[in-house]
Amino acid sequence: KHLILPLATLILISVTSTFMIMRYSMLNVLGEDYIMMAKAKGVKEKVIKYKHAMRNALLPVATVFMLSLGFTLGGATVI
C-alpha cells in the first residue's frame, strides 16, 4: 500500500526518458538518406515509419530501457 507512490515515481522517470530517447532516435533516423530514397520511390509513409525507421530507432531505446530497468530495480530496493 505504501509503495505505490515511490514505484509510480520510479516508473514515470524511466518511461519519460525512454519516450524522449525514442523521439530523438526516430527523428534522427527519419533524416537518413535511405529514408529519403524510400520516400522518393513512393513507399507508403506508414511502411517507412514502422518497417524501416522504427527497426533502426529501437536499438538506442532498448539500451536505455535496460539501463533504466537496472536503475529502477536498484532504486526499488533502496526504498
C-alpha atoms as a PDB file:
ATOM      1  CA  LYS A   1       0.000   0.000   0.000  1.00  0.00           C
ATOM      2  CA  HIS A   2       2.793   2.423   0.853  1.00  0.00           C
ATOM      3  CA  LEU A   3       4.957   1.577  -2.154  1.00  0.00           C
ATOM      4  CA  ILE A   4       2.550   2.900  -4.785  1.00  0.00           C
ATOM      5  CA  LEU A   5       3.834   6.484  -4.873  1.00  0.00           C
ATOM      6  CA  PRO A   6       7.587   5.680  -4.894  1.00  0.00           C
ATOM      7  CA  LEU A   7       7.045   2.975  -7.505  1.00  0.00           C
ATOM      8  CA  ALA A   8       4.971   5.324  -9.658  1.00  0.00           C
ATOM      9  CA  THR A   9       7.729   7.934  -9.435  1.00  0.00           C
ATOM     10  CA  LEU A  10      10.432   5.476 -10.488  1.00  0.00           C
ATOM     11  CA  ILE A  11       8.341   4.182 -13.385  1.00  0.00           C
ATOM     12  CA  LEU A  12       7.387   7.683 -14.528  1.00  0.00           C
ATOM     13  CA  ILE A  13      11.020   8.768 -14.660  1.00  0.00           C
ATOM     14  CA  SER A  14      12.106   5.731 -16.671  1.00  0.00           C
ATOM     15  CA  VAL A  15       9.146   5.890 -19.072  1.00  0.00           C
ATOM     16  CA  THR A  16       9.623   9.566 -19.872  1.00  0.00           C
ATOM     17  CA  SER A  17      13.320   9.131 -20.575  1.00  0.00           C
ATOM     18  CA  THR A  18      12.545   6.159 -22.812  1.00  0.00           C
ATOM     19  CA  PHE A  19       9.963   8.190 -24.746  1.00  0.00           C
ATOM     20  CA  MET A  20      12.383  11.073 -25.209  1.00  0.00           C
ATOM     21  CA  ILE A  21      15.107   8.740 -26.482  1.00  0.00           C
ATOM     22  CA  MET A  22      12.611   7.120 -28.870  1.00  0.00           C
ATOM     23  CA  ARG A  23      11.537  10.520 -30.199  1.00  0.00           C
ATOM     24  CA  TYR A  24      15.116  11.687 -30.716  1.00  0.00           C
ATOM     25  CA  SER A  25      16.121   8.409 -32.309  1.00  0.00           C
ATOM     26  CA  MET A  26      13.138   8.382 -34.699  1.00  0.00           C
ATOM     27  CA  LEU A  27      13.809  11.976 -35.749  1.00  0.00           C
ATOM     28  CA  ASN A  28      17.437  11.106 -36.326  1.00  0.00           C
ATOM     29  CA  VAL A  29      16.626   8.019 -38.403  1.00  0.00           C
ATOM     30  CA  LEU A  30      13.916   9.781 -40.441  1.00  0.00           C
ATOM     31  CA  GLY A  31      16.570  12.184 -41.714  1.00  0.00           C
ATOM     32  CA  GLU A  32      18.773   9.424 -43.124  1.00  0.00           C
ATOM     33  CA  ASP A  33      19.398   9.030 -46.849  1.00  0.00           C
ATOM     34  CA  TYR A  34      17.739   5.619 -47.193  1.00  0.00           C
ATOM     35  CA  ILE A  35      14.500   7.026 -45.752  1.00  0.00           C
ATOM     36  CA  MET A  36      14.525   9.835 -48.316  1.00  0.00           C
ATOM     37  CA  MET A  37      15.190   7.251 -51.033  1.00  0.00           C
ATOM     38  CA  ALA A  38      12.220   5.169 -49.886  1.00  0.00           C
ATOM     39  CA  LYS A  39      10.035   8.290 -49.982  1.00  0.00           C
ATOM     40  CA  ALA A  40      11.290   9.054 -53.488  1.00  0.00           C
ATOM     41  CA  LYS A  41      10.434   5.515 -54.592  1.00  0.00           C
ATOM     42  CA  GLY A  42       6.859   6.053 -53.410  1.00  0.00           C
ATOM     43  CA  VAL A  43       6.795   3.752 -50.400  1.00  0.00           C
ATOM     44  CA  LYS A  44       3.881   4.494 -48.084  1.00  0.00           C
ATOM     45  CA  GLU A  45       4.647   6.673 -45.077  1.00  0.00           C
ATOM     46  CA  LYS A  46       3.328   4.043 -42.661  1.00  0.00           C
ATOM     47  CA  VAL A  47       5.646   1.378 -44.090  1.00  0.00           C
ATOM     48  CA  ILE A  48       8.608   3.741 -43.903  1.00  0.00           C
ATOM     49  CA  LYS A  49       7.953   4.581 -40.264  1.00  0.00           C
ATOM     50  CA  TYR A  50       7.210   1.101 -38.973  1.00  0.00           C
ATOM     51  CA  LYS A  51       9.357  -1.125 -41.171  1.00  0.00           C
ATOM     52  CA  HIS A  52      12.418   0.961 -41.966  1.00  0.00           C
ATOM     53  CA  ALA A  53      12.736   3.693 -39.348  1.00  0.00           C
ATOM     54  CA  MET A  54      11.463   2.018 -36.192  1.00  0.00           C
ATOM     55  CA  ARG A  55      13.668  -1.023 -36.678  1.00  0.00           C
ATOM     56  CA  ASN A  56      16.774   1.160 -36.613  1.00  0.00           C
ATOM     57  CA  ALA A  57      15.489   3.520 -33.930  1.00  0.00           C
ATOM     58  CA  LEU A  58      14.805   0.783 -31.366  1.00  0.00           C
ATOM     59  CA  LEU A  59      18.450  -0.070 -30.678  1.00  0.00           C
ATOM     60  CA  PRO A  60      19.229   3.020 -28.549  1.00  0.00           C
ATOM     61  CA  VAL A  61      15.812   2.715 -26.918  1.00  0.00           C
ATOM     62  CA  ALA A  62      16.488  -0.886 -25.897  1.00  0.00           C
ATOM     63  CA  THR A  63      19.842   0.127 -24.434  1.00  0.00           C
ATOM     64  CA  VAL A  64      18.389   2.989 -22.398  1.00  0.00           C
ATOM     65  CA  PHE A  65      15.442   0.857 -21.297  1.00  0.00           C
ATOM     66  CA  MET A  66      17.697  -1.879 -19.938  1.00  0.00           C
ATOM     67  CA  LEU A  67      19.860   0.653 -18.112  1.00  0.00           C
ATOM     68  CA  SER A  68      16.808   2.333 -16.596  1.00  0.00           C
ATOM     69  CA  LEU A  69      15.410  -1.074 -15.634  1.00  0.00           C
ATOM     70  CA  GLY A  70      18.527  -1.654 -13.552  1.00  0.00           C
ATOM     71  CA  PHE A  71      18.157   1.820 -12.048  1.00  0.00           C
ATOM     72  CA  THR A  72      14.506   1.158 -11.208  1.00  0.00           C
ATOM     73  CA  LEU A  73      15.222  -2.196  -9.584  1.00  0.00           C
ATOM     74  CA  GLY A  74      18.138  -0.732  -7.641  1.00  0.00           C
ATOM     75  CA  GLY A  75      16.051   2.236  -6.538  1.00  0.00           C
ATOM     76  CA  ALA A  76      13.186  -0.025  -5.515  1.00  0.00           C
ATOM     77  CA  THR A  77      15.445  -1.983  -3.176  1.00  0.00           C
ATOM     78  CA  VAL A  78      16.647   1.235  -1.528  1.00  0.00           C
ATOM     79  CA  ILE A  79      13.084   2.432  -0.979  1.00  0.00           C
END
